[in-house]
Amino acid sequence: MSVALVIVSHSAQLAAGVVELAAQMAPDVVLIAAGGMDDGGIGTSLEKVMSALGLADTGDGAVVLTDLGSAVMTAEAAWEFLGSPETVLLANAPLVEGSIAAAVTAQSGASLAAVCSAAETALQAPAAAPDPGENTPAAVTEQAEDSVTAVLTLINPMGLHARPAAVLAGVLGAMDVEIEINGADAQSVMMLMTLGAAQGDELQVSATGPDAKRAVELVRTEVAAGFGEL
């Protein structure tokens, strides 16, 4: 089981499209579209959202993502009608990017809170690196000793596109590691996708933490295998 996602949109086609896209990244996650009015028109339906929340009750909870303001109000009303369950969280997140990030995180088996957080921070830029002058020599040495690095070359024709980014972010997100690829947070599918890394490009991988070596080796293995696309 994993955390489920409910996609609420004014458009049935838009909700279905987001579900279709997210499903490519997270095939084992329950994804339910609740878009449009009951008659197929543009708008949001309280009944549709309540029905979707009922279907999304997988035991691990559900995260709800919405597009525009009235969709938020409809989702809140549905949540209240169902008794404000603690197993349902309404994410304040961009619909498409948040849904993809949440789906990838749910695929990794993360908790309800972690899936919601992934949605809400989908477009958040990583924190700026601290000024080296602010670190003590001892802290810098310890960081250097714990760091694992690699330089890899992409060989698959499409490069680091959405699916490979989702594969890496999903698996790395479950590890106790801080890992970056070309300066981007490798545990964030959206940050990896912003790199626009193409076939033949080099990936500078740097990791710290208990799982650093295992994480870098996983990236090395996936890149060497062309993410299964060769």
C-alpha atoms as a PDB file:
ATOM      1  CA  MET A   1       0.000   0.000   0.000  1.00  0.00           C
ATOM      2  CA  SER A   2       1.027   3.618  -0.486  1.00  0.00           C
ATOM      3  CA  VAL A   3      -0.407   7.074   0.016  1.00  0.00           C
ATOM      4  CA  ALA A   4      -3.030   7.866  -2.621  1.00  0.00           C
ATOM      5  CA  LEU A   5      -3.493  11.113  -4.560  1.00  0.00           C
ATOM      6  CA  VAL A   6      -6.723  12.857  -5.489  1.00  0.00           C
ATOM      7  CA  ILE A   7      -6.485  15.413  -8.292  1.00  0.00           C
ATOM      8  CA  VAL A   8      -9.208  18.075  -8.187  1.00  0.00           C
ATOM      9  CA  SER A   9      -9.574  20.351 -11.206  1.00  0.00           C
ATOM     10  CA  HIS A  10     -12.217  22.499 -12.887  1.00  0.00           C
ATOM     11  CA  SER A  11     -11.615  20.419 -16.013  1.00  0.00           C
ATOM     12  CA  ALA A  12     -12.224  16.694 -16.223  1.00  0.00           C
ATOM     13  CA  GLN A  13      -9.664  16.460 -19.020  1.00  0.00           C
ATOM     14  CA  LEU A  14      -7.028  18.327 -17.027  1.00  0.00           C
ATOM     15  CA  ALA A  15      -7.499  16.129 -13.953  1.00  0.00           C
ATOM     16  CA  ALA A  16      -7.346  12.983 -16.087  1.00  0.00           C
ATOM     17  CA  GLY A  17      -4.228  14.248 -17.848  1.00  0.00           C
ATOM     18  CA  VAL A  18      -2.410  14.920 -14.589  1.00  0.00           C
ATOM     19  CA  VAL A  19      -3.329  11.436 -13.377  1.00  0.00           C
ATOM     20  CA  GLU A  20      -2.071   9.929 -16.639  1.00  0.00           C
ATOM     21  CA  LEU A  21       1.245  11.804 -16.384  1.00  0.00           C
ATOM     22  CA  ALA A  22       1.800  10.978 -12.710  1.00  0.00           C
ATOM     23  CA  ALA A  23       0.958   7.326 -13.322  1.00  0.00           C
ATOM     24  CA  GLN A  24       3.929   7.079 -15.670  1.00  0.00           C
ATOM     25  CA  MET A  25       6.183   7.982 -12.731  1.00  0.00           C
ATOM     26  CA  ALA A  26       4.370   6.023 -10.042  1.00  0.00           C
ATOM     27  CA  PRO A  27       2.619   2.916 -11.418  1.00  0.00           C
ATOM     28  CA  ASP A  28       1.812   1.487  -7.977  1.00  0.00           C
ATOM     29  CA  VAL A  29       0.184   4.611  -6.520  1.00  0.00           C
ATOM     30  CA  VAL A  30      -3.586   5.050  -6.438  1.00  0.00           C
ATOM     31  CA  LEU A  31      -4.341   8.193  -8.470  1.00  0.00           C
ATOM     32  CA  ILE A  32      -7.914   9.437  -8.764  1.00  0.00           C
ATOM     33  CA  ALA A  33      -9.161  12.287 -10.939  1.00  0.00           C
ATOM     34  CA  ALA A  34     -12.024  14.432  -9.669  1.00  0.00           C
ATOM     35  CA  GLY A  35     -12.431  17.038 -12.388  1.00  0.00           C
ATOM     36  CA  GLY A  36     -15.328  18.991 -13.804  1.00  0.00           C
ATOM     37  CA  MET A  37     -18.988  19.091 -12.913  1.00  0.00           C
ATOM     38  CA  ASP A  38     -21.318  16.101 -12.783  1.00  0.00           C
ATOM     39  CA  ASP A  39     -22.693  17.016 -16.225  1.00  0.00           C
ATOM     40  CA  GLY A  40     -19.209  17.233 -17.722  1.00  0.00           C
ATOM     41  CA  GLY A  41     -19.037  21.024 -17.642  1.00  0.00           C
ATOM     42  CA  ILE A  42     -16.285  23.204 -16.235  1.00  0.00           C
ATOM     43  CA  GLY A  43     -16.309  23.510 -12.456  1.00  0.00           C
ATOM     44  CA  THR A  44     -15.836  21.386  -9.357  1.00  0.00           C
ATOM     45  CA  SER A  45     -18.283  18.870  -7.936  1.00  0.00           C
ATOM     46  CA  LEU A  46     -18.541  18.195  -4.216  1.00  0.00           C
ATOM     47  CA  GLU A  47     -19.972  14.746  -4.948  1.00  0.00           C
ATOM     48  CA  LYS A  48     -17.096  13.849  -7.267  1.00  0.00           C
ATOM     49  CA  VAL A  49     -14.503  14.923  -4.737  1.00  0.00           C
ATOM     50  CA  MET A  50     -16.179  13.066  -1.871  1.00  0.00           C
ATOM     51  CA  SER A  51     -16.421   9.933  -4.028  1.00  0.00           C
ATOM     52  CA  ALA A  52     -12.750  10.233  -4.969  1.00  0.00           C
ATOM     53  CA  LEU A  53     -11.718  10.595  -1.344  1.00  0.00           C
ATOM     54  CA  GLY A  54     -13.680   7.447  -0.519  1.00  0.00           C
ATOM     55  CA  LEU A  55     -11.925   5.512  -3.287  1.00  0.00           C
ATOM     56  CA  ALA A  56      -8.554   6.883  -2.166  1.00  0.00           C
ATOM     57  CA  ASP A  57      -8.918   5.432   1.332  1.00  0.00           C
ATOM     58  CA  THR A  58      -6.081   2.918   0.992  1.00  0.00           C
ATOM     59  CA  GLY A  59      -5.259   2.824   4.683  1.00  0.00           C
ATOM     60  CA  ASP A  60      -2.145   4.930   4.226  1.00  0.00           C
ATOM     61  CA  GLY A  61      -4.068   8.138   3.641  1.00  0.00           C
ATOM     62  CA  ALA A  62      -4.521  10.490   0.723  1.00  0.00           C
ATOM     63  CA  VAL A  63      -3.157  13.826  -0.423  1.00  0.00           C
ATOM     64  CA  VAL A  64      -5.472  16.155  -2.346  1.00  0.00           C
ATOM     65  CA  LEU A  65      -4.117  18.533  -4.982  1.00  0.00           C
ATOM     66  CA  THR A  66      -6.216  21.260  -6.598  1.00  0.00           C
ATOM     67  CA  ASP A  67      -5.932  23.778  -9.412  1.00  0.00           C
ATOM     68  CA  LEU A  68      -7.820  27.034  -8.677  1.00  0.00           C
ATOM     69  CA  GLY A  69      -9.374  28.728  -5.675  1.00  0.00           C
ATOM     70  CA  SER A  70     -12.886  27.301  -5.821  1.00  0.00           C
ATOM     71  CA  ALA A  71     -11.434  23.804  -6.221  1.00  0.00           C
ATOM     72  CA  VAL A  72      -9.684  24.345  -2.910  1.00  0.00           C
ATOM     73  CA  MET A  73     -12.973  25.321  -1.286  1.00  0.00           C
ATOM     74  CA  THR A  74     -14.724  22.279  -2.750  1.00  0.00           C
ATOM     75  CA  ALA A  75     -11.964  19.983  -1.483  1.00  0.00           C
ATOM     76  CA  GLU A  76     -12.144  21.574   1.964  1.00  0.00           C
ATOM     77  CA  ALA A  77     -15.925  21.148   2.044  1.00  0.00           C
ATOM     78  CA  ALA A  78     -15.629  17.484   1.055  1.00  0.00           C
ATOM     79  CA  TRP A  79     -13.003  16.945   3.751  1.00  0.00           C
ATOM     80  CA  GLU A  80     -15.271  18.535   6.371  1.00  0.00           C
ATOM     81  CA  PHE A  81     -18.311  16.512   5.254  1.00  0.00           C
ATOM     82  CA  LEU A  82     -16.246  13.357   5.738  1.00  0.00           C
ATOM     83  CA  GLY A  83     -15.485  14.368   9.314  1.00  0.00           C
ATOM     84  CA  SER A  84     -12.122  16.075   8.718  1.00  0.00           C
ATOM     85  CA  PRO A  85     -10.156  12.784   8.659  1.00  0.00           C
ATOM     86  CA  GLU A  86      -6.521  12.999   9.735  1.00  0.00           C
ATOM     87  CA  THR A  87      -5.652  10.561   6.955  1.00  0.00           C
ATOM     88  CA  VAL A  88      -6.485  13.161   4.284  1.00  0.00           C
ATOM     89  CA  LEU A  89      -4.222  16.171   3.718  1.00  0.00           C
ATOM     90  CA  LEU A  90      -4.956  19.096   1.410  1.00  0.00           C
ATOM     91  CA  ALA A  91      -1.713  20.177  -0.220  1.00  0.00           C
ATOM     92  CA  ASN A  92      -0.955  23.813  -0.990  1.00  0.00           C
ATOM     93  CA  ALA A  93       0.961  22.979  -4.140  1.00  0.00           C
ATOM     94  CA  PRO A  94       1.131  23.546  -7.902  1.00  0.00           C
ATOM     95  CA  LEU A  95      -1.136  20.999  -9.527  1.00  0.00           C
ATOM     96  CA  VAL A  96       1.118  19.410 -12.141  1.00  0.00           C
ATOM     97  CA  GLU A  97       4.534  19.700 -10.496  1.00  0.00           C
ATOM     98  CA  GLY A  98       3.126  18.922  -7.057  1.00  0.00           C
ATOM     99  CA  SER A  99       1.274  15.859  -8.306  1.00  0.00           C
ATOM    100  CA  ILE A 100       4.384  14.439  -9.977  1.00  0.00           C
ATOM    101  CA  ALA A 101       6.577  15.066  -6.948  1.00  0.00           C
ATOM    102  CA  ALA A 102       3.968  13.595  -4.609  1.00  0.00           C
ATOM    103  CA  ALA A 103       3.422  10.544  -6.811  1.00  0.00           C
ATOM    104  CA  VAL A 104       7.144   9.769  -6.992  1.00  0.00           C
ATOM    105  CA  THR A 105       7.443  10.155  -3.226  1.00  0.00           C
ATOM    106  CA  ALA A 106       4.411   7.940  -2.610  1.00  0.00           C
ATOM    107  CA  GLN A 107       5.852   5.312  -4.949  1.00  0.00           C
ATOM    108  CA  SER A 108       8.878   5.067  -2.653  1.00  0.00           C
ATOM    109  CA  GLY A 109       6.588   4.163   0.262  1.00  0.00           C
ATOM    110  CA  ALA A 110       6.954   7.476   2.092  1.00  0.00           C
ATOM    111  CA  SER A 111       4.583   8.606   4.833  1.00  0.00           C
ATOM    112  CA  LEU A 112       1.503  10.770   4.331  1.00  0.00           C
ATOM    113  CA  ALA A 113       3.276  13.843   5.702  1.00  0.00           C
ATOM    114  CA  ALA A 114       6.308  13.255   3.463  1.00  0.00           C
ATOM    115  CA  VAL A 115       4.145  12.908   0.349  1.00  0.00           C
ATOM    116  CA  CYS A 116       2.304  16.131   1.153  1.00  0.00           C
ATOM    117  CA  SER A 117       5.587  17.922   1.822  1.00  0.00           C
ATOM    118  CA  ALA A 118       6.994  16.720  -1.503  1.00  0.00           C
ATOM    119  CA  ALA A 119       4.021  18.252  -3.294  1.00  0.00           C
ATOM    120  CA  GLU A 120       4.297  21.550  -1.461  1.00  0.00           C
ATOM    121  CA  THR A 121       8.032  21.931  -2.064  1.00  0.00           C
ATOM    122  CA  ALA A 122       8.022  20.709  -5.683  1.00  0.00           C
ATOM    123  CA  LEU A 123       9.170  24.049  -7.086  1.00  0.00           C
ATOM    124  CA  GLN A 124      11.236  25.124  -4.113  1.00  0.00           C
ATOM    125  CA  ALA A 125      14.817  25.874  -5.050  1.00  0.00           C
ATOM    126  CA  PRO A 126      17.465  24.168  -2.924  1.00  0.00           C
ATOM    127  CA  ALA A 127      19.000  26.274  -0.199  1.00  0.00           C
ATOM    128  CA  ALA A 128      22.099  28.193  -1.157  1.00  0.00           C
ATOM    129  CA  ALA A 129      25.337  26.575  -0.124  1.00  0.00           C
ATOM    130  CA  PRO A 130      26.820  28.168   3.007  1.00  0.00           C
ATOM    131  CA  ASP A 131      29.818  30.462   2.734  1.00  0.00           C
ATOM    132  CA  PRO A 132      32.893  28.257   3.242  1.00  0.00           C
ATOM    133  CA  GLY A 133      34.325  30.999   5.406  1.00  0.00           C
ATOM    134  CA  GLU A 134      31.582  30.412   7.936  1.00  0.00           C
ATOM    135  CA  ASN A 135      32.643  26.796   8.528  1.00  0.00           C
ATOM    136  CA  THR A 136      35.314  25.787  10.970  1.00  0.00           C
ATOM    137  CA  PRO A 137      38.260  23.788   9.566  1.00  0.00           C
ATOM    138  CA  ALA A 138      37.091  20.749  11.548  1.00  0.00           C
ATOM    139  CA  ALA A 139      33.599  20.904  10.005  1.00  0.00           C
ATOM    140  CA  VAL A 140      34.999  21.199   6.502  1.00  0.00           C
ATOM    141  CA  THR A 141      37.313  18.217   7.047  1.00  0.00           C
ATOM    142  CA  GLU A 142      34.496  16.066   8.381  1.00  0.00           C
ATOM    143  CA  GLN A 143      32.335  16.938   5.394  1.00  0.00           C
ATOM    144  CA  ALA A 144      35.144  16.073   3.008  1.00  0.00           C
ATOM    145  CA  GLU A 145      35.767  12.729   4.695  1.00  0.00           C
ATOM    146  CA  ASP A 146      32.089  11.746   4.504  1.00  0.00           C
ATOM    147  CA  SER A 147      31.601  12.840   0.908  1.00  0.00           C
ATOM    148  CA  VAL A 148      31.262  10.370  -1.954  1.00  0.00           C
ATOM    149  CA  THR A 149      31.498  11.696  -5.506  1.00  0.00           C
ATOM    150  CA  ALA A 150      31.340  10.445  -9.077  1.00  0.00           C
ATOM    151  CA  VAL A 151      31.438  11.844 -12.588  1.00  0.00           C
ATOM    152  CA  LEU A 152      29.116   9.963 -14.944  1.00  0.00           C
ATOM    153  CA  THR A 153      28.133  10.360 -18.591  1.00  0.00           C
ATOM    154  CA  LEU A 154      24.551   9.971 -19.783  1.00  0.00           C
ATOM    155  CA  ILE A 155      24.286   7.390 -22.554  1.00  0.00           C
ATOM    156  CA  ASN A 156      20.542   6.940 -23.010  1.00  0.00           C
ATOM    157  CA  PRO A 157      19.161   8.826 -26.055  1.00  0.00           C
ATOM    158  CA  MET A 158      16.653  10.975 -24.137  1.00  0.00           C
ATOM    159  CA  GLY A 159      18.999  11.906 -21.294  1.00  0.00           C
ATOM    160  CA  LEU A 160      17.714  12.714 -17.818  1.00  0.00           C
ATOM    161  CA  HIS A 161      14.072  13.218 -18.800  1.00  0.00           C
ATOM    162  CA  ALA A 162      11.003  12.748 -16.631  1.00  0.00           C
ATOM    163  CA  ARG A 163      11.003   8.973 -16.206  1.00  0.00           C
ATOM    164  CA  PRO A 164      14.694   8.550 -15.258  1.00  0.00           C
ATOM    165  CA  ALA A 165      14.411  11.575 -12.970  1.00  0.00           C
ATOM    166  CA  ALA A 166      11.458   9.944 -11.249  1.00  0.00           C
ATOM    167  CA  VAL A 167      13.354   6.657 -10.894  1.00  0.00           C
ATOM    168  CA  LEU A 168      16.308   8.362  -9.215  1.00  0.00           C
ATOM    169  CA  ALA A 169      14.296  10.693  -7.004  1.00  0.00           C
ATOM    170  CA  GLY A 170      11.994   7.917  -5.876  1.00  0.00           C
ATOM    171  CA  VAL A 171      14.740   5.536  -4.789  1.00  0.00           C
ATOM    172  CA  LEU A 172      17.137   8.153  -3.430  1.00  0.00           C
ATOM    173  CA  GLY A 173      14.314   9.771  -1.471  1.00  0.00           C
ATOM    174  CA  ALA A 174      14.043   6.639   0.679  1.00  0.00           C
ATOM    175  CA  MET A 175      17.755   6.760   1.621  1.00  0.00           C
ATOM    176  CA  ASP A 176      19.472   8.513   4.501  1.00  0.00           C
ATOM    177  CA  VAL A 177      21.586  10.726   2.278  1.00  0.00           C
ATOM    178  CA  GLU A 178      22.030  14.251   0.995  1.00  0.00           C
ATOM    179  CA  ILE A 179      22.834  13.945  -2.682  1.00  0.00           C
ATOM    180  CA  GLU A 180      23.169  16.401  -5.532  1.00  0.00           C
ATOM    181  CA  ILE A 181      23.565  15.968  -9.268  1.00  0.00           C
ATOM    182  CA  ASN A 182      25.063  18.979 -11.020  1.00  0.00           C
ATOM    183  CA  GLY A 183      24.088  21.052  -8.002  1.00  0.00           C
ATOM    184  CA  ALA A 184      20.427  19.963  -7.986  1.00  0.00           C
ATOM    185  CA  ASP A 185      18.748  18.006  -5.204  1.00  0.00           C
ATOM    186  CA  ALA A 186      18.735  14.450  -6.557  1.00  0.00           C
ATOM    187  CA  GLN A 187      15.855  13.501  -4.256  1.00  0.00           C
ATOM    188  CA  SER A 188      13.571  15.953  -6.073  1.00  0.00           C
ATOM    189  CA  VAL A 189      12.201  14.871  -9.443  1.00  0.00           C
ATOM    190  CA  MET A 190      11.433  18.466 -10.385  1.00  0.00           C
ATOM    191  CA  MET A 191      14.948  19.689  -9.588  1.00  0.00           C
ATOM    192  CA  LEU A 192      16.457  16.868 -11.656  1.00  0.00           C
ATOM    193  CA  MET A 193      14.206  17.682 -14.588  1.00  0.00           C
ATOM    194  CA  THR A 194      15.277  21.324 -14.544  1.00  0.00           C
ATOM    195  CA  LEU A 195      18.850  20.244 -15.347  1.00  0.00           C
ATOM    196  CA  GLY A 196      17.887  19.431 -18.927  1.00  0.00           C
ATOM    197  CA  ALA A 197      20.768  16.913 -19.059  1.00  0.00           C
ATOM    198  CA  ALA A 198      21.029  15.303 -22.489  1.00  0.00           C
ATOM    199  CA  GLN A 199      22.810  12.284 -23.961  1.00  0.00           C
ATOM    200  CA  GLY A 200      26.569  12.782 -23.659  1.00  0.00           C
ATOM    201  CA  ASP A 201      26.317  15.267 -20.799  1.00  0.00           C
ATOM    202  CA  GLU A 202      28.334  14.690 -17.636  1.00  0.00           C
ATOM    203  CA  LEU A 203      26.668  14.298 -14.254  1.00  0.00           C
ATOM    204  CA  GLN A 204      28.636  15.508 -11.249  1.00  0.00           C
ATOM    205  CA  VAL A 205      27.298  13.429  -8.347  1.00  0.00           C
ATOM    206  CA  SER A 206      28.082  14.321  -4.729  1.00  0.00           C
ATOM    207  CA  ALA A 207      26.605  12.670  -1.640  1.00  0.00           C
ATOM    208  CA  THR A 208      27.015  12.737   2.133  1.00  0.00           C
ATOM    209  CA  GLY A 209      25.403  10.726   4.898  1.00  0.00           C
ATOM    210  CA  PRO A 210      25.122   7.097   6.008  1.00  0.00           C
ATOM    211  CA  ASP A 211      23.810   5.926   2.627  1.00  0.00           C
ATOM    212  CA  ALA A 212      26.120   8.102   0.514  1.00  0.00           C
ATOM    213  CA  LYS A 213      28.130   5.267  -1.038  1.00  0.00           C
ATOM    214  CA  ARG A 214      25.046   3.171  -1.783  1.00  0.00           C
ATOM    215  CA  ALA A 215      23.250   6.178  -3.288  1.00  0.00           C
ATOM    216  CA  VAL A 216      26.101   7.099  -5.616  1.00  0.00           C
ATOM    217  CA  GLU A 217      26.477   3.481  -6.724  1.00  0.00           C
ATOM    218  CA  LEU A 218      22.768   3.347  -7.484  1.00  0.00           C
ATOM    219  CA  VAL A 219      23.058   6.440  -9.691  1.00  0.00           C
ATOM    220  CA  ARG A 220      26.129   4.929 -11.369  1.00  0.00           C
ATOM    221  CA  THR A 221      24.294   1.669 -12.079  1.00  0.00           C
ATOM    222  CA  GLU A 222      21.213   3.397 -13.506  1.00  0.00           C
ATOM    223  CA  VAL A 223      23.271   5.701 -15.729  1.00  0.00           C
ATOM    224  CA  ALA A 224      25.455   2.823 -16.963  1.00  0.00           C
ATOM    225  CA  ALA A 225      22.305   0.854 -17.837  1.00  0.00           C
ATOM    226  CA  GLY A 226      20.847   3.824 -19.688  1.00  0.00           C
ATOM    227  CA  PHE A 227      17.913   3.729 -17.278  1.00  0.00           C
ATOM    228  CA  GLY A 228      16.743   0.629 -19.135  1.00  0.00           C
ATOM    229  CA  GLU A 229      16.225   2.602 -22.355  1.00  0.00           C
ATOM    230  CA  LEU A 230      19.042   1.225 -24.511  1.00  0.00           C
END
